[in-house]
N, C-alpha and C. Protein backbone atom coordinates (compact mmCIF):
# COMPACT_ATOMS: atom_id res chain seq x y z
N MET A 1 14.06 -1.90 13.63
CA MET A 1 12.71 -2.39 13.41
C MET A 1 12.59 -2.81 11.94
N THR A 2 12.09 -4.01 11.72
CA THR A 2 11.95 -4.51 10.35
C THR A 2 10.68 -3.96 9.70
N ASP A 3 10.59 -4.15 8.39
CA ASP A 3 9.44 -3.65 7.64
C ASP A 3 8.14 -4.31 8.11
N SER A 4 8.17 -5.61 8.40
CA SER A 4 6.95 -6.29 8.84
C SER A 4 6.52 -5.80 10.21
N GLU A 5 7.45 -5.41 11.08
CA GLU A 5 7.09 -4.85 12.38
C GLU A 5 6.43 -3.49 12.21
N ILE A 6 6.91 -2.70 11.27
CA ILE A 6 6.30 -1.39 10.99
C ILE A 6 4.88 -1.59 10.49
N ILE A 7 4.68 -2.54 9.57
CA ILE A 7 3.34 -2.81 9.04
C ILE A 7 2.40 -3.26 10.14
N SER A 8 2.87 -4.10 11.05
CA SER A 8 2.00 -4.62 12.10
C SER A 8 1.59 -3.54 13.10
N ARG A 9 2.33 -2.44 13.19
CA ARG A 9 2.00 -1.37 14.13
C ARG A 9 1.11 -0.28 13.54
N ILE A 10 0.83 -0.34 12.26
CA ILE A 10 -0.03 0.67 11.63
C ILE A 10 -1.48 0.40 11.99
N CYS A 11 -2.19 1.42 12.45
CA CYS A 11 -3.58 1.28 12.90
C CYS A 11 -4.56 1.53 11.76
N PRO A 12 -5.74 0.91 11.81
CA PRO A 12 -6.80 1.24 10.84
C PRO A 12 -7.16 2.72 10.94
N GLY A 13 -7.36 3.34 9.80
CA GLY A 13 -7.66 4.76 9.74
C GLY A 13 -6.45 5.60 9.36
N SER A 14 -5.26 5.02 9.40
CA SER A 14 -4.03 5.73 9.04
C SER A 14 -3.91 5.83 7.53
N MET A 15 -3.27 6.89 7.05
CA MET A 15 -2.98 7.04 5.63
C MET A 15 -1.58 6.49 5.36
N VAL A 16 -1.45 5.64 4.33
CA VAL A 16 -0.15 5.07 4.00
C VAL A 16 0.14 5.25 2.51
N PRO A 17 1.39 5.54 2.15
CA PRO A 17 1.79 5.59 0.74
C PRO A 17 2.21 4.21 0.26
N PHE A 18 1.88 3.86 -0.99
CA PHE A 18 2.24 2.56 -1.56
C PHE A 18 2.32 2.69 -3.07
N TYR A 19 2.94 1.71 -3.70
CA TYR A 19 3.11 1.70 -5.15
C TYR A 19 2.13 0.73 -5.80
N VAL A 20 1.57 1.13 -6.95
CA VAL A 20 0.70 0.27 -7.74
C VAL A 20 1.29 0.12 -9.14
N HIS A 21 0.94 -0.96 -9.80
CA HIS A 21 1.42 -1.23 -11.15
C HIS A 21 0.77 -0.23 -12.11
N ALA A 22 1.57 0.47 -12.91
CA ALA A 22 1.04 1.50 -13.80
C ALA A 22 1.27 1.18 -15.27
N GLY A 23 1.63 -0.06 -15.58
CA GLY A 23 1.81 -0.43 -16.98
C GLY A 23 3.24 -0.83 -17.29
N ILE A 24 3.47 -1.16 -18.57
CA ILE A 24 4.79 -1.56 -19.03
C ILE A 24 5.35 -0.43 -19.89
N GLY A 25 6.50 0.05 -19.51
CA GLY A 25 7.15 1.11 -20.27
C GLY A 25 8.31 0.57 -21.09
N ARG A 26 9.10 1.46 -21.64
CA ARG A 26 10.24 1.05 -22.45
C ARG A 26 11.27 0.29 -21.64
N HIS A 27 11.40 0.64 -20.37
CA HIS A 27 12.44 0.06 -19.53
C HIS A 27 11.87 -0.95 -18.53
N GLY A 28 10.72 -1.53 -18.82
CA GLY A 28 10.11 -2.53 -17.94
C GLY A 28 8.90 -2.00 -17.21
N PRO A 29 8.47 -2.71 -16.17
CA PRO A 29 7.26 -2.31 -15.43
C PRO A 29 7.42 -0.96 -14.75
N GLU A 30 6.37 -0.18 -14.79
CA GLU A 30 6.37 1.13 -14.14
C GLU A 30 5.44 1.08 -12.94
N LYS A 31 5.79 1.86 -11.91
CA LYS A 31 4.97 1.90 -10.70
C LYS A 31 4.61 3.34 -10.39
N LYS A 32 3.44 3.52 -9.79
CA LYS A 32 2.94 4.85 -9.45
C LYS A 32 2.69 4.89 -7.95
N LEU A 33 3.06 6.00 -7.32
CA LEU A 33 2.87 6.17 -5.88
C LEU A 33 1.44 6.64 -5.61
N LYS A 34 0.75 5.95 -4.71
CA LYS A 34 -0.61 6.32 -4.30
C LYS A 34 -0.67 6.38 -2.79
N LYS A 35 -1.74 6.97 -2.26
CA LYS A 35 -2.00 6.98 -0.83
C LYS A 35 -3.38 6.41 -0.59
N GLY A 36 -3.54 5.76 0.54
CA GLY A 36 -4.85 5.20 0.88
C GLY A 36 -5.01 5.07 2.37
N ARG A 37 -6.25 4.86 2.79
CA ARG A 37 -6.57 4.73 4.22
C ARG A 37 -6.66 3.25 4.58
N VAL A 38 -5.97 2.87 5.66
CA VAL A 38 -5.94 1.48 6.10
C VAL A 38 -7.31 1.09 6.65
N VAL A 39 -7.83 -0.06 6.17
CA VAL A 39 -9.11 -0.58 6.62
C VAL A 39 -8.90 -1.73 7.60
N MET A 40 -7.99 -2.65 7.26
CA MET A 40 -7.66 -3.79 8.13
C MET A 40 -6.16 -4.00 8.08
N ASN A 41 -5.62 -4.55 9.17
CA ASN A 41 -4.20 -4.89 9.15
C ASN A 41 -3.98 -6.28 9.73
N CYS A 42 -2.97 -6.95 9.20
CA CYS A 42 -2.50 -8.24 9.71
C CYS A 42 -1.03 -8.07 10.05
N ARG A 43 -0.36 -9.12 10.41
CA ARG A 43 1.05 -9.01 10.75
C ARG A 43 1.92 -8.70 9.55
N THR A 44 1.53 -9.16 8.36
CA THR A 44 2.40 -9.04 7.19
C THR A 44 1.87 -8.13 6.09
N HIS A 45 0.59 -7.76 6.14
CA HIS A 45 0.04 -6.94 5.07
C HIS A 45 -1.11 -6.07 5.59
N LEU A 46 -1.49 -5.09 4.75
CA LEU A 46 -2.58 -4.17 5.07
C LEU A 46 -3.62 -4.22 3.97
N VAL A 47 -4.88 -3.99 4.31
CA VAL A 47 -5.93 -3.79 3.31
C VAL A 47 -6.22 -2.30 3.32
N VAL A 48 -6.09 -1.67 2.15
CA VAL A 48 -6.16 -0.22 2.03
C VAL A 48 -7.29 0.18 1.10
N ASN A 49 -8.04 1.22 1.48
CA ASN A 49 -9.05 1.81 0.62
C ASN A 49 -8.33 2.86 -0.22
N GLY A 50 -8.25 2.61 -1.52
CA GLY A 50 -7.53 3.51 -2.42
C GLY A 50 -8.34 4.69 -2.90
N GLY A 51 -9.57 4.81 -2.46
CA GLY A 51 -10.40 5.94 -2.86
C GLY A 51 -11.22 5.64 -4.10
N GLY A 52 -11.75 6.67 -4.68
CA GLY A 52 -12.60 6.49 -5.85
C GLY A 52 -14.06 6.39 -5.45
N ARG A 53 -14.91 6.28 -6.43
CA ARG A 53 -16.35 6.27 -6.19
C ARG A 53 -16.81 5.11 -5.31
N HIS A 54 -16.20 3.95 -5.52
CA HIS A 54 -16.61 2.77 -4.76
C HIS A 54 -15.54 2.27 -3.81
N GLY A 55 -14.47 3.01 -3.61
CA GLY A 55 -13.41 2.61 -2.67
C GLY A 55 -12.60 1.43 -3.16
N THR A 56 -11.71 1.65 -4.11
CA THR A 56 -10.90 0.58 -4.68
C THR A 56 -10.01 -0.05 -3.62
N PRO A 57 -10.12 -1.36 -3.38
CA PRO A 57 -9.28 -2.01 -2.37
C PRO A 57 -7.90 -2.37 -2.92
N TYR A 58 -6.89 -2.25 -2.08
CA TYR A 58 -5.52 -2.66 -2.40
C TYR A 58 -4.97 -3.47 -1.23
N VAL A 59 -4.11 -4.42 -1.54
CA VAL A 59 -3.38 -5.15 -0.50
C VAL A 59 -1.95 -4.64 -0.54
N VAL A 60 -1.49 -4.15 0.60
CA VAL A 60 -0.16 -3.55 0.70
C VAL A 60 0.70 -4.43 1.61
N ASP A 61 1.91 -4.76 1.13
CA ASP A 61 2.84 -5.53 1.94
C ASP A 61 4.22 -4.87 1.84
N GLU A 62 5.26 -5.59 2.27
CA GLU A 62 6.62 -5.03 2.27
C GLU A 62 7.10 -4.67 0.88
N GLU A 63 6.65 -5.40 -0.15
CA GLU A 63 7.15 -5.20 -1.50
C GLU A 63 6.63 -3.91 -2.15
N ASN A 64 5.41 -3.50 -1.84
CA ASN A 64 4.87 -2.33 -2.54
C ASN A 64 4.59 -1.14 -1.61
N MET A 65 5.01 -1.20 -0.37
CA MET A 65 4.81 -0.07 0.54
C MET A 65 6.00 0.87 0.44
N SER A 66 5.73 2.16 0.53
CA SER A 66 6.80 3.17 0.51
C SER A 66 7.17 3.51 1.94
N PHE A 67 8.42 3.22 2.34
CA PHE A 67 8.87 3.48 3.70
C PHE A 67 9.71 4.75 3.78
N GLN A 68 9.26 5.82 3.18
CA GLN A 68 10.04 7.08 3.17
C GLN A 68 9.68 7.94 4.33
């Protein structure tokens, strides 16, 4: 099963782990692992509520999703 097939099978309401940009460090860009609740899904990407006071939206695709 490919990564895009896994993304297309995730239902709204599921919790998914993903990486966000956390700044530039000595050795290049750094990423931080976050979790969020899926709000909408398409075949290639997800719209995730990252939490917070107003529900920060994130777009998650194959490049920044954690498949562990």
